[in-house]
Amino acid sequence: MILNKQLEDRWFKFSLAEQMANVGSEIGRAINWRDKDEKLSKASFERGLELLDLTIDDAKNKKRLKELLRVRETLADYFCFGNVYGSSDEKWNSYFYAFNYFARLNR
């Protein structure tokens, strides 16, 4: 699942906002490619989940575990199941935009 140990070590140096902004970039790509190229959309979604899993595994995010696991659950529901949580492209883009904005403020 994890590409390599070097990626994991580097990932853990990022703040939560930076981690989530990167997850959001992959999810944004998955959304953008969904109607154009299903294979590219799926690959982006899977990369987003892999990065989210690394974020979940990061010890500094332990207090955010409930939220992170809920994000993973609702992403899987949106992309792979019946969207029982009522997600939309706009809602996901807004959710991840906040992390992107915060990460850029704190550079």
PDB file of N, CA and C in Angstrom:
ATOM      1  N   MET A   1       0.829  -1.194   0.000  1.00  0.00           N
ATOM      2  CA  MET A   1       0.000   0.000   0.000  1.00  0.00           C
ATOM      3  C   MET A   1       0.870   1.254   0.000  1.00  0.00           C
ATOM      4  N   ILE A   2       1.779   1.385   0.943  1.00  0.00           N
ATOM      5  CA  ILE A   2       2.642   2.568   1.006  1.00  0.00           C
ATOM      6  C   ILE A   2       3.735   2.426  -0.042  1.00  0.00           C
ATOM      7  N   LEU A   3       3.919   3.472  -0.826  1.00  0.00           N
ATOM      8  CA  LEU A   3       4.900   3.414  -1.895  1.00  0.00           C
ATOM      9  C   LEU A   3       6.287   3.093  -1.371  1.00  0.00           C
ATOM     10  N   ASN A   4       6.717   3.780  -0.358  1.00  0.00           N
ATOM     11  CA  ASN A   4       8.006   3.479   0.261  1.00  0.00           C
ATOM     12  C   ASN A   4       8.134   4.194   1.598  1.00  0.00           C
ATOM     13  N   LYS A   5       9.109   3.751   2.363  1.00  0.00           N
ATOM     14  CA  LYS A   5       9.335   4.308   3.697  1.00  0.00           C
ATOM     15  C   LYS A   5       9.712   5.786   3.614  1.00  0.00           C
ATOM     16  N   GLN A   6      10.440   6.162   2.573  1.00  0.00           N
ATOM     17  CA  GLN A   6      10.863   7.554   2.400  1.00  0.00           C
ATOM     18  C   GLN A   6       9.646   8.481   2.278  1.00  0.00           C
ATOM     19  N   LEU A   7       8.635   8.049   1.545  1.00  0.00           N
ATOM     20  CA  LEU A   7       7.408   8.844   1.418  1.00  0.00           C
ATOM     21  C   LEU A   7       6.754   9.007   2.785  1.00  0.00           C
ATOM     22  N   GLU A   8       6.681   7.912   3.527  1.00  0.00           N
ATOM     23  CA  GLU A   8       6.063   7.968   4.850  1.00  0.00           C
ATOM     24  C   GLU A   8       6.809   8.937   5.764  1.00  0.00           C
ATOM     25  N   ASP A   9       8.119   8.847   5.798  1.00  0.00           N
ATOM     26  CA  ASP A   9       8.914   9.741   6.647  1.00  0.00           C
ATOM     27  C   ASP A   9       8.709  11.198   6.256  1.00  0.00           C
ATOM     28  N   ARG A  10       8.705  11.461   4.978  1.00  0.00           N
ATOM     29  CA  ARG A  10       8.505  12.836   4.490  1.00  0.00           C
ATOM     30  C   ARG A  10       7.089  13.319   4.817  1.00  0.00           C
ATOM     31  N   TRP A  11       6.107  12.424   4.646  1.00  0.00           N
ATOM     32  CA  TRP A  11       4.708  12.782   4.886  1.00  0.00           C
ATOM     33  C   TRP A  11       4.494  13.213   6.329  1.00  0.00           C
ATOM     34  N   PHE A  12       5.112  12.517   7.253  1.00  0.00           N
ATOM     35  CA  PHE A  12       4.925  12.797   8.670  1.00  0.00           C
ATOM     36  C   PHE A  12       5.527  14.135   9.088  1.00  0.00           C
ATOM     37  N   LYS A  13       6.343  14.730   8.251  1.00  0.00           N
ATOM     38  CA  LYS A  13       6.911  16.050   8.547  1.00  0.00           C
ATOM     39  C   LYS A  13       5.936  17.175   8.195  1.00  0.00           C
ATOM     40  N   PHE A  14       4.954  16.876   7.368  1.00  0.00           N
ATOM     41  CA  PHE A  14       3.962  17.880   6.990  1.00  0.00           C
ATOM     42  C   PHE A  14       2.999  18.129   8.143  1.00  0.00           C
ATOM     43  N   SER A  15       2.465  19.355   8.216  1.00  0.00           N
ATOM     44  CA  SER A  15       1.397  19.648   9.176  1.00  0.00           C
ATOM     45  C   SER A  15       0.118  18.942   8.708  1.00  0.00           C
ATOM     46  N   LEU A  16      -0.859  18.839   9.598  1.00  0.00           N
ATOM     47  CA  LEU A  16      -2.142  18.247   9.217  1.00  0.00           C
ATOM     48  C   LEU A  16      -2.754  19.010   8.043  1.00  0.00           C
ATOM     49  N   ALA A  17      -2.674  20.329   8.075  1.00  0.00           N
ATOM     50  CA  ALA A  17      -3.238  21.134   6.982  1.00  0.00           C
ATOM     51  C   ALA A  17      -2.557  20.808   5.651  1.00  0.00           C
ATOM     52  N   GLU A  18      -1.236  20.656   5.673  1.00  0.00           N
ATOM     53  CA  GLU A  18      -0.512  20.319   4.447  1.00  0.00           C
ATOM     54  C   GLU A  18      -0.870  18.913   3.968  1.00  0.00           C
ATOM     55  N   GLN A  19      -0.991  17.992   4.897  1.00  0.00           N
ATOM     56  CA  GLN A  19      -1.375  16.635   4.531  1.00  0.00           C
ATOM     57  C   GLN A  19      -2.752  16.627   3.876  1.00  0.00           C
ATOM     58  N   MET A  20      -3.705  17.288   4.512  1.00  0.00           N
ATOM     59  CA  MET A  20      -5.071  17.286   3.992  1.00  0.00           C
ATOM     60  C   MET A  20      -5.184  18.071   2.681  1.00  0.00           C
ATOM     61  N   ALA A  21      -4.387  19.111   2.521  1.00  0.00           N
ATOM     62  CA  ALA A  21      -4.376  19.849   1.252  1.00  0.00           C
ATOM     63  C   ALA A  21      -3.901  18.941   0.121  1.00  0.00           C
ATOM     64  N   ASN A  22      -2.908  18.107   0.404  1.00  0.00           N
ATOM     65  CA  ASN A  22      -2.417  17.162  -0.607  1.00  0.00           C
ATOM     66  C   ASN A  22      -3.437  16.071  -0.901  1.00  0.00           C
ATOM     67  N   VAL A  23      -4.105  15.583   0.128  1.00  0.00           N
ATOM     68  CA  VAL A  23      -5.185  14.624  -0.090  1.00  0.00           C
ATOM     69  C   VAL A  23      -6.244  15.279  -0.977  1.00  0.00           C
ATOM     70  N   GLY A  24      -6.583  16.515  -0.657  1.00  0.00           N
ATOM     71  CA  GLY A  24      -7.582  17.248  -1.423  1.00  0.00           C
ATOM     72  C   GLY A  24      -7.199  17.449  -2.877  1.00  0.00           C
ATOM     73  N   SER A  25      -5.917  17.627  -3.142  1.00  0.00           N
ATOM     74  CA  SER A  25      -5.472  17.759  -4.535  1.00  0.00           C
ATOM     75  C   SER A  25      -5.768  16.497  -5.326  1.00  0.00           C
ATOM     76  N   GLU A  26      -5.505  15.351  -4.709  1.00  0.00           N
ATOM     77  CA  GLU A  26      -5.791  14.085  -5.395  1.00  0.00           C
ATOM     78  C   GLU A  26      -7.292  13.873  -5.564  1.00  0.00           C
ATOM     79  N   ILE A  27      -8.059  14.206  -4.547  1.00  0.00           N
ATOM     80  CA  ILE A  27      -9.510  14.051  -4.654  1.00  0.00           C
ATOM     81  C   ILE A  27     -10.065  15.013  -5.706  1.00  0.00           C
ATOM     82  N   GLY A  28      -9.519  16.221  -5.763  1.00  0.00           N
ATOM     83  CA  GLY A  28      -9.917  17.171  -6.804  1.00  0.00           C
ATOM     84  C   GLY A  28      -9.626  16.634  -8.197  1.00  0.00           C
ATOM     85  N   ARG A  29      -8.470  15.994  -8.357  1.00  0.00           N
ATOM     86  CA  ARG A  29      -8.147  15.373  -9.649  1.00  0.00           C
ATOM     87  C   ARG A  29      -9.137  14.253  -9.971  1.00  0.00           C
ATOM     88  N   ALA A  30      -9.471  13.464  -8.956  1.00  0.00           N
ATOM     89  CA  ALA A  30     -10.437  12.375  -9.172  1.00  0.00           C
ATOM     90  C   ALA A  30     -11.779  12.934  -9.643  1.00  0.00           C
ATOM     91  N   ILE A  31     -12.195  14.018  -9.035  1.00  0.00           N
ATOM     92  CA  ILE A  31     -13.454  14.665  -9.435  1.00  0.00           C
ATOM     93  C   ILE A  31     -13.354  15.194 -10.862  1.00  0.00           C
ATOM     94  N   ASN A  32     -12.258  15.886 -11.162  1.00  0.00           N
ATOM     95  CA  ASN A  32     -12.096  16.482 -12.491  1.00  0.00           C
ATOM     96  C   ASN A  32     -12.020  15.442 -13.604  1.00  0.00           C
ATOM     97  N   TRP A  33     -11.431  14.280 -13.322  1.00  0.00           N
ATOM     98  CA  TRP A  33     -11.260  13.243 -14.335  1.00  0.00           C
ATOM     99  C   TRP A  33     -12.453  12.298 -14.428  1.00  0.00           C
ATOM    100  N   ARG A  34     -13.353  12.329 -13.472  1.00  0.00           N
ATOM    101  CA  ARG A  34     -14.426  11.329 -13.395  1.00  0.00           C
ATOM    102  C   ARG A  34     -15.212  11.194 -14.699  1.00  0.00           C
ATOM    103  N   ASP A  35     -15.577  12.290 -15.325  1.00  0.00           N
ATOM    104  CA  ASP A  35     -16.376  12.224 -16.556  1.00  0.00           C
ATOM    105  C   ASP A  35     -15.532  12.162 -17.823  1.00  0.00           C
ATOM    106  N   LYS A  36     -14.204  12.300 -17.676  1.00  0.00           N
ATOM    107  CA  LYS A  36     -13.320  12.325 -18.848  1.00  0.00           C
ATOM    108  C   LYS A  36     -12.537  11.029 -19.024  1.00  0.00           C
ATOM    109  N   ASP A  37     -12.035  10.484 -17.911  1.00  0.00           N
ATOM    110  CA  ASP A  37     -11.194   9.293 -17.976  1.00  0.00           C
ATOM    111  C   ASP A  37     -11.323   8.530 -16.658  1.00  0.00           C
ATOM    112  N   GLU A  38     -12.125   7.492 -16.681  1.00  0.00           N
ATOM    113  CA  GLU A  38     -12.421   6.734 -15.458  1.00  0.00           C
ATOM    114  C   GLU A  38     -11.158   6.146 -14.822  1.00  0.00           C
ATOM    115  N   LYS A  39     -10.227   5.713 -15.642  1.00  0.00           N
ATOM    116  CA  LYS A  39      -8.989   5.114 -15.129  1.00  0.00           C
ATOM    117  C   LYS A  39      -8.150   6.148 -14.363  1.00  0.00           C
ATOM    118  N   LEU A  40      -8.006   7.340 -14.921  1.00  0.00           N
ATOM    119  CA  LEU A  40      -7.253   8.396 -14.245  1.00  0.00           C
ATOM    120  C   LEU A  40      -7.971   8.861 -12.978  1.00  0.00           C
ATOM    121  N   SER A  41      -9.293   8.921 -13.034  1.00  0.00           N
ATOM    122  CA  SER A  41     -10.069   9.312 -11.867  1.00  0.00           C
ATOM    123  C   SER A  41      -9.875   8.304 -10.737  1.00  0.00           C
ATOM    124  N   LYS A  42      -9.957   7.038 -11.059  1.00  0.00           N
ATOM    125  CA  LYS A  42      -9.787   5.981 -10.056  1.00  0.00           C
ATOM    126  C   LYS A  42      -8.384   6.019  -9.458  1.00  0.00           C
ATOM    127  N   ALA A  43      -7.379   6.228 -10.296  1.00  0.00           N
ATOM    128  CA  ALA A  43      -5.989   6.286  -9.808  1.00  0.00           C
ATOM    129  C   ALA A  43      -5.811   7.462  -8.844  1.00  0.00           C
ATOM    130  N   SER A  44      -6.389   8.602  -9.163  1.00  0.00           N
ATOM    131  CA  SER A  44      -6.300   9.772  -8.276  1.00  0.00           C
ATOM    132  C   SER A  44      -7.028   9.518  -6.961  1.00  0.00           C
ATOM    133  N   PHE A  45      -8.193   8.912  -7.046  1.00  0.00           N
ATOM    134  CA  PHE A  45      -8.945   8.574  -5.837  1.00  0.00           C
ATOM    135  C   PHE A  45      -8.132   7.635  -4.944  1.00  0.00           C
ATOM    136  N   GLU A  46      -7.526   6.629  -5.540  1.00  0.00           N
ATOM    137  CA  GLU A  46      -6.728   5.668  -4.762  1.00  0.00           C
ATOM    138  C   GLU A  46      -5.502   6.329  -4.135  1.00  0.00           C
ATOM    139  N   ARG A  47      -4.851   7.236  -4.870  1.00  0.00           N
ATOM    140  CA  ARG A  47      -3.720   7.985  -4.296  1.00  0.00           C
ATOM    141  C   ARG A  47      -4.199   8.853  -3.135  1.00  0.00           C
ATOM    142  N   GLY A  48      -5.360   9.476  -3.304  1.00  0.00           N
ATOM    143  CA  GLY A  48      -5.926  10.283  -2.229  1.00  0.00           C
ATOM    144  C   GLY A  48      -6.180   9.453  -0.981  1.00  0.00           C
ATOM    145  N   LEU A  49      -6.723   8.256  -1.150  1.00  0.00           N
ATOM    146  CA  LEU A  49      -6.950   7.372  -0.005  1.00  0.00           C
ATOM    147  C   LEU A  49      -5.631   6.929   0.625  1.00  0.00           C
ATOM    148  N   GLU A  50      -4.634   6.664  -0.194  1.00  0.00           N
ATOM    149  CA  GLU A  50      -3.330   6.267   0.342  1.00  0.00           C
ATOM    150  C   GLU A  50      -2.738   7.394   1.194  1.00  0.00           C
ATOM    151  N   LEU A  51      -2.824   8.618   0.703  1.00  0.00           N
ATOM    152  CA  LEU A  51      -2.326   9.753   1.476  1.00  0.00           C
ATOM    153  C   LEU A  51      -3.157   9.965   2.738  1.00  0.00           C
ATOM    154  N   LEU A  52      -4.451   9.769   2.637  1.00  0.00           N
ATOM    155  CA  LEU A  52      -5.308   9.887   3.818  1.00  0.00           C
ATOM    156  C   LEU A  52      -4.961   8.803   4.841  1.00  0.00           C
ATOM    157  N   ASP A  53      -4.668   7.601   4.369  1.00  0.00           N
ATOM    158  CA  ASP A  53      -4.254   6.527   5.281  1.00  0.00           C
ATOM    159  C   ASP A  53      -2.947   6.882   5.994  1.00  0.00           C
ATOM    160  N   LEU A  54      -2.020   7.492   5.274  1.00  0.00           N
ATOM    161  CA  LEU A  54      -0.780   7.944   5.914  1.00  0.00           C
ATOM    162  C   LEU A  54      -1.086   9.010   6.964  1.00  0.00           C
ATOM    163  N   THR A  55      -2.002   9.888   6.648  1.00  0.00           N
ATOM    164  CA  THR A  55      -2.406  10.939   7.586  1.00  0.00           C
ATOM    165  C   THR A  55      -3.031  10.317   8.837  1.00  0.00           C
ATOM    166  N   ILE A  56      -3.843   9.315   8.641  1.00  0.00           N
ATOM    167  CA  ILE A  56      -4.475   8.604   9.761  1.00  0.00           C
ATOM    168  C   ILE A  56      -3.414   7.920  10.620  1.00  0.00           C
ATOM    169  N   ASP A  57      -2.380   7.388   9.996  1.00  0.00           N
ATOM    170  CA  ASP A  57      -1.313   6.678  10.720  1.00  0.00           C
ATOM    171  C   ASP A  57      -0.349   7.612  11.441  1.00  0.00           C
ATOM    172  N   ASP A  58      -0.385   8.890  11.122  1.00  0.00           N
ATOM    173  CA  ASP A  58       0.540   9.860  11.719  1.00  0.00           C
ATOM    174  C   ASP A  58       0.151  10.117  13.179  1.00  0.00           C
ATOM    175  N   ALA A  59       1.073   9.842  14.085  1.00  0.00           N
ATOM    176  CA  ALA A  59       0.798   9.953  15.528  1.00  0.00           C
ATOM    177  C   ALA A  59       0.334  11.347  15.943  1.00  0.00           C
ATOM    178  N   LYS A  60       0.819  12.389  15.275  1.00  0.00           N
ATOM    179  CA  LYS A  60       0.437  13.743  15.691  1.00  0.00           C
ATOM    180  C   LYS A  60      -1.037  14.049  15.410  1.00  0.00           C
ATOM    181  N   ASN A  61      -1.685  13.224  14.600  1.00  0.00           N
ATOM    182  CA  ASN A  61      -3.084  13.445  14.246  1.00  0.00           C
ATOM    183  C   ASN A  61      -4.043  12.592  15.076  1.00  0.00           C
ATOM    184  N   LYS A  62      -3.546  12.008  16.132  1.00  0.00           N
ATOM    185  CA  LYS A  62      -4.351  11.095  16.950  1.00  0.00           C
ATOM    186  C   LYS A  62      -5.652  11.742  17.452  1.00  0.00           C
ATOM    187  N   LYS A  63      -5.589  13.015  17.811  1.00  0.00           N
ATOM    188  CA  LYS A  63      -6.780  13.703  18.328  1.00  0.00           C
ATOM    189  C   LYS A  63      -7.810  13.968  17.228  1.00  0.00           C
ATOM    190  N   ARG A  64      -7.401  13.848  15.994  1.00  0.00           N
ATOM    191  CA  ARG A  64      -8.292  14.072  14.848  1.00  0.00           C
ATOM    192  C   ARG A  64      -8.734  12.767  14.199  1.00  0.00           C
ATOM    193  N   LEU A  65      -8.443  11.652  14.839  1.00  0.00           N
ATOM    194  CA  LEU A  65      -8.692  10.347  14.236  1.00  0.00           C
ATOM    195  C   LEU A  65     -10.152  10.150  13.841  1.00  0.00           C
ATOM    196  N   LYS A  66     -11.074  10.557  14.692  1.00  0.00           N
ATOM    197  CA  LYS A  66     -12.498  10.383  14.393  1.00  0.00           C
ATOM    198  C   LYS A  66     -12.884  11.118  13.106  1.00  0.00           C
ATOM    199  N   GLU A  67     -12.433  12.360  12.986  1.00  0.00           N
ATOM    200  CA  GLU A  67     -12.749  13.131  11.771  1.00  0.00           C
ATOM    201  C   GLU A  67     -12.100  12.514  10.536  1.00  0.00           C
ATOM    202  N   LEU A  68     -10.841  12.122  10.671  1.00  0.00           N
ATOM    203  CA  LEU A  68     -10.127  11.558   9.524  1.00  0.00           C
ATOM    204  C   LEU A  68     -10.772  10.259   9.044  1.00  0.00           C
ATOM    205  N   LEU A  69     -11.179   9.432   9.985  1.00  0.00           N
ATOM    206  CA  LEU A  69     -11.844   8.184   9.604  1.00  0.00           C
ATOM    207  C   LEU A  69     -13.210   8.453   8.975  1.00  0.00           C
ATOM    208  N   ARG A  70     -13.898   9.481   9.449  1.00  0.00           N
ATOM    209  CA  ARG A  70     -15.186   9.846   8.847  1.00  0.00           C
ATOM    210  C   ARG A  70     -14.979  10.382   7.424  1.00  0.00           C
ATOM    211  N   VAL A  71     -13.928  11.156   7.220  1.00  0.00           N
ATOM    212  CA  VAL A  71     -13.616  11.647   5.868  1.00  0.00           C
ATOM    213  C   VAL A  71     -13.381  10.460   4.938  1.00  0.00           C
ATOM    214  N   ARG A  72     -12.607   9.481   5.412  1.00  0.00           N
ATOM    215  CA  ARG A  72     -12.323   8.300   4.589  1.00  0.00           C
ATOM    216  C   ARG A  72     -13.618   7.557   4.245  1.00  0.00           C
ATOM    217  N   GLU A  73     -14.466   7.393   5.243  1.00  0.00           N
ATOM    218  CA  GLU A  73     -15.739   6.699   5.048  1.00  0.00           C
ATOM    219  C   GLU A  73     -16.621   7.427   4.028  1.00  0.00           C
ATOM    220  N   THR A  74     -16.724   8.737   4.156  1.00  0.00           N
ATOM    221  CA  THR A  74     -17.611   9.475   3.252  1.00  0.00           C
ATOM    222  C   THR A  74     -17.020   9.593   1.843  1.00  0.00           C
ATOM    223  N   LEU A  75     -15.689   9.640   1.729  1.00  0.00           N
ATOM    224  CA  LEU A  75     -15.075   9.615   0.398  1.00  0.00           C
ATOM    225  C   LEU A  75     -15.363   8.293  -0.299  1.00  0.00           C
ATOM    226  N   ALA A  76     -15.182   7.192   0.432  1.00  0.00           N
ATOM    227  CA  ALA A  76     -15.470   5.876  -0.152  1.00  0.00           C
ATOM    228  C   ALA A  76     -16.941   5.788  -0.557  1.00  0.00           C
ATOM    229  N   ASP A  77     -17.823   6.290   0.296  1.00  0.00           N
ATOM    230  CA  ASP A  77     -19.249   6.293  -0.015  1.00  0.00           C
ATOM    231  C   ASP A  77     -19.524   7.094  -1.281  1.00  0.00           C
ATOM    232  N   TYR A  78     -18.890   8.247  -1.410  1.00  0.00           N
ATOM    233  CA  TYR A  78     -19.145   9.125  -2.553  1.00  0.00           C
ATOM    234  C   TYR A  78     -18.632   8.531  -3.858  1.00  0.00           C
ATOM    235  N   PHE A  79     -17.427   7.992  -3.828  1.00  0.00           N
ATOM    236  CA  PHE A  79     -16.812   7.514  -5.067  1.00  0.00           C
ATOM    237  C   PHE A  79     -17.155   6.064  -5.410  1.00  0.00           C
ATOM    238  N   CYS A  80     -17.472   5.253  -4.414  1.00  0.00           N
ATOM    239  CA  CYS A  80     -17.612   3.816  -4.671  1.00  0.00           C
ATOM    240  C   CYS A  80     -18.975   3.220  -4.328  1.00  0.00           C
ATOM    241  N   PHE A  81     -19.776   3.915  -3.544  1.00  0.00           N
ATOM    242  CA  PHE A  81     -21.029   3.331  -3.085  1.00  0.00           C
ATOM    243  C   PHE A  81     -22.203   4.249  -3.406  1.00  0.00           C
ATOM    244  N   GLY A  82     -23.216   4.277  -2.597  1.00  0.00           N
ATOM    245  CA  GLY A  82     -24.467   4.947  -2.928  1.00  0.00           C
ATOM    246  C   GLY A  82     -24.591   6.404  -2.531  1.00  0.00           C
ATOM    247  N   ASN A  83     -23.521   7.006  -2.013  1.00  0.00           N
ATOM    248  CA  ASN A  83     -23.541   8.404  -1.581  1.00  0.00           C
ATOM    249  C   ASN A  83     -24.675   8.675  -0.588  1.00  0.00           C
ATOM    250  N   VAL A  84     -24.777   7.812   0.416  1.00  0.00           N
ATOM    251  CA  VAL A  84     -25.833   7.975   1.423  1.00  0.00           C
ATOM    252  C   VAL A  84     -25.633   9.226   2.275  1.00  0.00           C
ATOM    253  N   TYR A  85     -24.417   9.777   2.296  1.00  0.00           N
ATOM    254  CA  TYR A  85     -24.151  10.981   3.083  1.00  0.00           C
ATOM    255  C   TYR A  85     -24.462  12.267   2.309  1.00  0.00           C
ATOM    256  N   GLY A  86     -24.825  12.142   1.047  1.00  0.00           N
ATOM    257  CA  GLY A  86     -25.220  13.311   0.263  1.00  0.00           C
ATOM    258  C   GLY A  86     -24.066  14.230  -0.106  1.00  0.00           C
ATOM    259  N   SER A  87     -22.890  13.670  -0.335  1.00  0.00           N
ATOM    260  CA  SER A  87     -21.734  14.481  -0.741  1.00  0.00           C
ATOM    261  C   SER A  87     -21.911  14.986  -2.164  1.00  0.00           C
ATOM    262  N   SER A  88     -21.126  15.999  -2.510  1.00  0.00           N
ATOM    263  CA  SER A  88     -21.128  16.519  -3.876  1.00  0.00           C
ATOM    264  C   SER A  88     -19.721  17.002  -4.201  1.00  0.00           C
ATOM    265  N   ASP A  89     -19.466  17.200  -5.471  1.00  0.00           N
ATOM    266  CA  ASP A  89     -18.164  17.737  -5.884  1.00  0.00           C
ATOM    267  C   ASP A  89     -17.888  19.059  -5.168  1.00  0.00           C
ATOM    268  N   GLU A  90     -18.887  19.919  -5.117  1.00  0.00           N
ATOM    269  CA  GLU A  90     -18.733  21.241  -4.515  1.00  0.00           C
ATOM    270  C   GLU A  90     -18.408  21.138  -3.021  1.00  0.00           C
ATOM    271  N   LYS A  91     -19.076  20.231  -2.322  1.00  0.00           N
ATOM    272  CA  LYS A  91     -18.821  20.064  -0.889  1.00  0.00           C
ATOM    273  C   LYS A  91     -17.409  19.560  -0.633  1.00  0.00           C
ATOM    274  N   TRP A  92     -16.946  18.602  -1.445  1.00  0.00           N
ATOM    275  CA  TRP A  92     -15.576  18.098  -1.257  1.00  0.00           C
ATOM    276  C   TRP A  92     -14.555  19.173  -1.581  1.00  0.00           C
ATOM    277  N   ASN A  93     -14.781  19.906  -2.657  1.00  0.00           N
ATOM    278  CA  ASN A  93     -13.844  20.969  -3.006  1.00  0.00           C
ATOM    279  C   ASN A  93     -13.790  22.032  -1.908  1.00  0.00           C
ATOM    280  N   SER A  94     -14.923  22.387  -1.346  1.00  0.00           N
ATOM    281  CA  SER A  94     -14.950  23.370  -0.255  1.00  0.00           C
ATOM    282  C   SER A  94     -14.249  22.846   0.991  1.00  0.00           C
ATOM    283  N   TYR A  95     -14.486  21.586   1.324  1.00  0.00           N
ATOM    284  CA  TYR A  95     -13.870  20.988   2.512  1.00  0.00           C
ATOM    285  C   TYR A  95     -12.339  21.036   2.401  1.00  0.00           C
ATOM    286  N   PHE A  96     -11.821  20.586   1.278  1.00  0.00           N
ATOM    287  CA  PHE A  96     -10.372  20.530   1.136  1.00  0.00           C
ATOM    288  C   PHE A  96      -9.754  21.899   0.867  1.00  0.00           C
ATOM    289  N   TYR A  97     -10.517  22.818   0.290  1.00  0.00           N
ATOM    290  CA  TYR A  97     -10.002  24.165   0.053  1.00  0.00           C
ATOM    291  C   TYR A  97      -9.578  24.836   1.361  1.00  0.00           C
ATOM    292  N   ALA A  98     -10.337  24.609   2.412  1.00  0.00           N
ATOM    293  CA  ALA A  98     -10.013  25.219   3.708  1.00  0.00           C
ATOM    294  C   ALA A  98      -8.625  24.784   4.183  1.00  0.00           C
ATOM    295  N   PHE A  99      -8.281  23.523   3.988  1.00  0.00           N
ATOM    296  CA  PHE A  99      -6.949  23.042   4.383  1.00  0.00           C
ATOM    297  C   PHE A  99      -5.864  23.663   3.505  1.00  0.00           C
ATOM    298  N   ASN A 100      -6.153  23.766   2.223  1.00  0.00           N
ATOM    299  CA  ASN A 100      -5.201  24.375   1.299  1.00  0.00           C
ATOM    300  C   ASN A 100      -4.932  25.823   1.701  1.00  0.00           C
ATOM    301  N   TYR A 101      -5.983  26.547   1.999  1.00  0.00           N
ATOM    302  CA  TYR A 101      -5.863  27.942   2.390  1.00  0.00           C
ATOM    303  C   TYR A 101      -5.049  28.079   3.679  1.00  0.00           C
ATOM    304  N   PHE A 102      -5.365  27.277   4.668  1.00  0.00           N
ATOM    305  CA  PHE A 102      -4.667  27.330   5.955  1.00  0.00           C
ATOM    306  C   PHE A 102      -3.203  26.940   5.805  1.00  0.00           C
ATOM    307  N   ALA A 103      -2.930  25.915   5.013  1.00  0.00           N
ATOM    308  CA  ALA A 103      -1.538  25.478   4.805  1.00  0.00           C
ATOM    309  C   ALA A 103      -0.713  26.591   4.148  1.00  0.00           C
ATOM    310  N   ARG A 104      -1.307  27.297   3.203  1.00  0.00           N
ATOM    311  CA  ARG A 104      -0.587  28.385   2.528  1.00  0.00           C
ATOM    312  C   ARG A 104      -0.349  29.566   3.470  1.00  0.00           C
ATOM    313  N   LEU A 105      -1.282  29.829   4.363  1.00  0.00           N
ATOM    314  CA  LEU A 105      -1.112  30.918   5.343  1.00  0.00           C
ATOM    315  C   LEU A 105       0.046  30.666   6.302  1.00  0.00           C
ATOM    316  N   ASN A 106       0.261  29.396   6.588  1.00  0.00           N
ATOM    317  CA  ASN A 106       1.256  29.031   7.603  1.00  0.00           C
ATOM    318  C   ASN A 106       2.588  28.591   7.041  1.00  0.00           C
ATOM    319  N   ARG A 107       2.871  28.909   5.810  1.00  0.00           N
ATOM    320  CA  ARG A 107       4.177  28.569   5.225  1.00  0.00           C
ATOM    321  C   ARG A 107       5.226  29.527   5.666  1.00  0.00           C
TER     322      ARG A 107
END
